[in-house]
Amino acid sequence: MNSTPQPISNLRAKEACKYLGIGESTLWLYVRQNKITPIKLSKRVTIFPKSELDNFITSCSEENNTAKTA
């Protein structure tokens, strides 16, 4: 048996919120604004790829750096 922990690649909504440090309503707002793209597995199950969340964090920090220098 492999006891090495597997890297997290997908997060549920509550986990994604905790990872990003935002509330659930803000997460779903970002989804509606196409800032974050989730994967719908079923009617009641949506996951967020960690890579998508990392890209979102990067784009937000780049926007903040651009706004500060403008």
C-alpha atoms as a PDB file:
ATOM      1  CA  MET A   1       0.000   0.000   0.000  1.00  0.00           C
ATOM      2  CA  ASN A   2       1.271   3.471  -0.882  1.00  0.00           C
ATOM      3  CA  SER A   3       1.285   5.736   2.180  1.00  0.00           C
ATOM      4  CA  THR A   4       2.483   8.829   0.304  1.00  0.00           C
ATOM      5  CA  PRO A   5      -0.259  11.493   0.355  1.00  0.00           C
ATOM      6  CA  GLN A   6      -1.630  12.317  -3.071  1.00  0.00           C
ATOM      7  CA  PRO A   7      -1.484  15.972  -4.137  1.00  0.00           C
ATOM      8  CA  ILE A   8      -4.877  17.655  -4.163  1.00  0.00           C
ATOM      9  CA  SER A   9      -5.919  18.350  -7.722  1.00  0.00           C
ATOM     10  CA  ASN A  10      -9.644  19.148  -7.341  1.00  0.00           C
ATOM     11  CA  LEU A  11     -11.545  20.927  -4.596  1.00  0.00           C
ATOM     12  CA  ARG A  12     -15.234  21.130  -3.739  1.00  0.00           C
ATOM     13  CA  ALA A  13     -16.784  24.599  -3.341  1.00  0.00           C
ATOM     14  CA  LYS A  14     -16.209  24.929   0.427  1.00  0.00           C
ATOM     15  CA  GLU A  15     -12.624  23.727   0.077  1.00  0.00           C
ATOM     16  CA  ALA A  16     -12.036  26.146  -2.807  1.00  0.00           C
ATOM     17  CA  CYS A  17     -13.379  29.007  -0.688  1.00  0.00           C
ATOM     18  CA  LYS A  18     -11.036  28.118   2.134  1.00  0.00           C
ATOM     19  CA  TYR A  19      -8.110  27.828  -0.306  1.00  0.00           C
ATOM     20  CA  LEU A  20      -8.869  31.258  -1.803  1.00  0.00           C
ATOM     21  CA  GLY A  21      -9.851  32.904   1.485  1.00  0.00           C
ATOM     22  CA  ILE A  22     -13.274  34.011   0.184  1.00  0.00           C
ATOM     23  CA  GLY A  23     -16.921  33.257   0.938  1.00  0.00           C
ATOM     24  CA  GLU A  24     -19.100  30.888  -1.074  1.00  0.00           C
ATOM     25  CA  SER A  25     -21.225  33.676  -2.540  1.00  0.00           C
ATOM     26  CA  THR A  26     -18.049  35.365  -3.809  1.00  0.00           C
ATOM     27  CA  LEU A  27     -16.851  32.095  -5.349  1.00  0.00           C
ATOM     28  CA  TRP A  28     -20.121  31.670  -7.248  1.00  0.00           C
ATOM     29  CA  LEU A  29     -20.004  35.338  -8.295  1.00  0.00           C
ATOM     30  CA  TYR A  30     -16.565  34.714  -9.833  1.00  0.00           C
ATOM     31  CA  VAL A  31     -17.991  31.652 -11.608  1.00  0.00           C
ATOM     32  CA  ARG A  32     -20.836  33.763 -13.070  1.00  0.00           C
ATOM     33  CA  GLN A  33     -18.282  36.397 -14.139  1.00  0.00           C
ATOM     34  CA  ASN A  34     -16.199  33.653 -15.850  1.00  0.00           C
ATOM     35  CA  LYS A  35     -13.201  34.417 -13.659  1.00  0.00           C
ATOM     36  CA  ILE A  36     -13.131  30.805 -12.380  1.00  0.00           C
ATOM     37  CA  THR A  37     -14.238  27.781 -14.427  1.00  0.00           C
ATOM     38  CA  PRO A  38     -15.645  24.870 -12.416  1.00  0.00           C
ATOM     39  CA  ILE A  39     -16.303  21.316 -13.579  1.00  0.00           C
ATOM     40  CA  LYS A  40     -19.855  20.077 -13.116  1.00  0.00           C
ATOM     41  CA  LEU A  41     -19.783  16.341 -12.322  1.00  0.00           C
ATOM     42  CA  SER A  42     -23.501  16.000 -11.678  1.00  0.00           C
ATOM     43  CA  LYS A  43     -26.514  18.111 -10.822  1.00  0.00           C
ATOM     44  CA  ARG A  44     -25.297  18.555  -7.252  1.00  0.00           C
ATOM     45  CA  VAL A  45     -21.528  18.054  -7.504  1.00  0.00           C
ATOM     46  CA  THR A  46     -19.191  20.751  -8.767  1.00  0.00           C
ATOM     47  CA  ILE A  47     -15.432  20.675  -8.428  1.00  0.00           C
ATOM     48  CA  PHE A  48     -12.773  23.303  -8.954  1.00  0.00           C
ATOM     49  CA  PRO A  49      -9.402  22.235 -10.380  1.00  0.00           C
ATOM     50  CA  LYS A  50      -6.627  23.488  -8.123  1.00  0.00           C
ATOM     51  CA  SER A  51      -4.748  24.630 -11.229  1.00  0.00           C
ATOM     52  CA  GLU A  52      -7.733  26.845 -12.143  1.00  0.00           C
ATOM     53  CA  LEU A  53      -7.710  28.381  -8.653  1.00  0.00           C
ATOM     54  CA  ASP A  54      -3.938  28.944  -8.851  1.00  0.00           C
ATOM     55  CA  ASN A  55      -4.385  30.678 -12.228  1.00  0.00           C
ATOM     56  CA  PHE A  56      -7.079  32.882 -10.685  1.00  0.00           C
ATOM     57  CA  ILE A  57      -4.768  33.850  -7.814  1.00  0.00           C
ATOM     58  CA  THR A  58      -1.991  34.677 -10.280  1.00  0.00           C
ATOM     59  CA  SER A  59      -4.291  36.802 -12.460  1.00  0.00           C
ATOM     60  CA  CYS A  60      -5.570  38.703  -9.408  1.00  0.00           C
ATOM     61  CA  SER A  61      -2.049  39.471  -8.204  1.00  0.00           C
ATOM     62  CA  GLU A  62      -1.055  40.606 -11.706  1.00  0.00           C
ATOM     63  CA  GLU A  63      -4.121  42.911 -11.853  1.00  0.00           C
ATOM     64  CA  ASN A  64      -3.183  44.388  -8.467  1.00  0.00           C
ATOM     65  CA  ASN A  65       0.398  44.995  -9.590  1.00  0.00           C
ATOM     66  CA  THR A  66      -0.801  46.654 -12.800  1.00  0.00           C
ATOM     67  CA  ALA A  67      -3.280  48.853 -10.907  1.00  0.00           C
ATOM     68  CA  LYS A  68      -0.587  49.999  -8.439  1.00  0.00           C
ATOM     69  CA  THR A  69       1.828  51.028 -11.198  1.00  0.00           C
ATOM     70  CA  ALA A  70      -0.794  52.836 -13.295  1.00  0.00           C
END
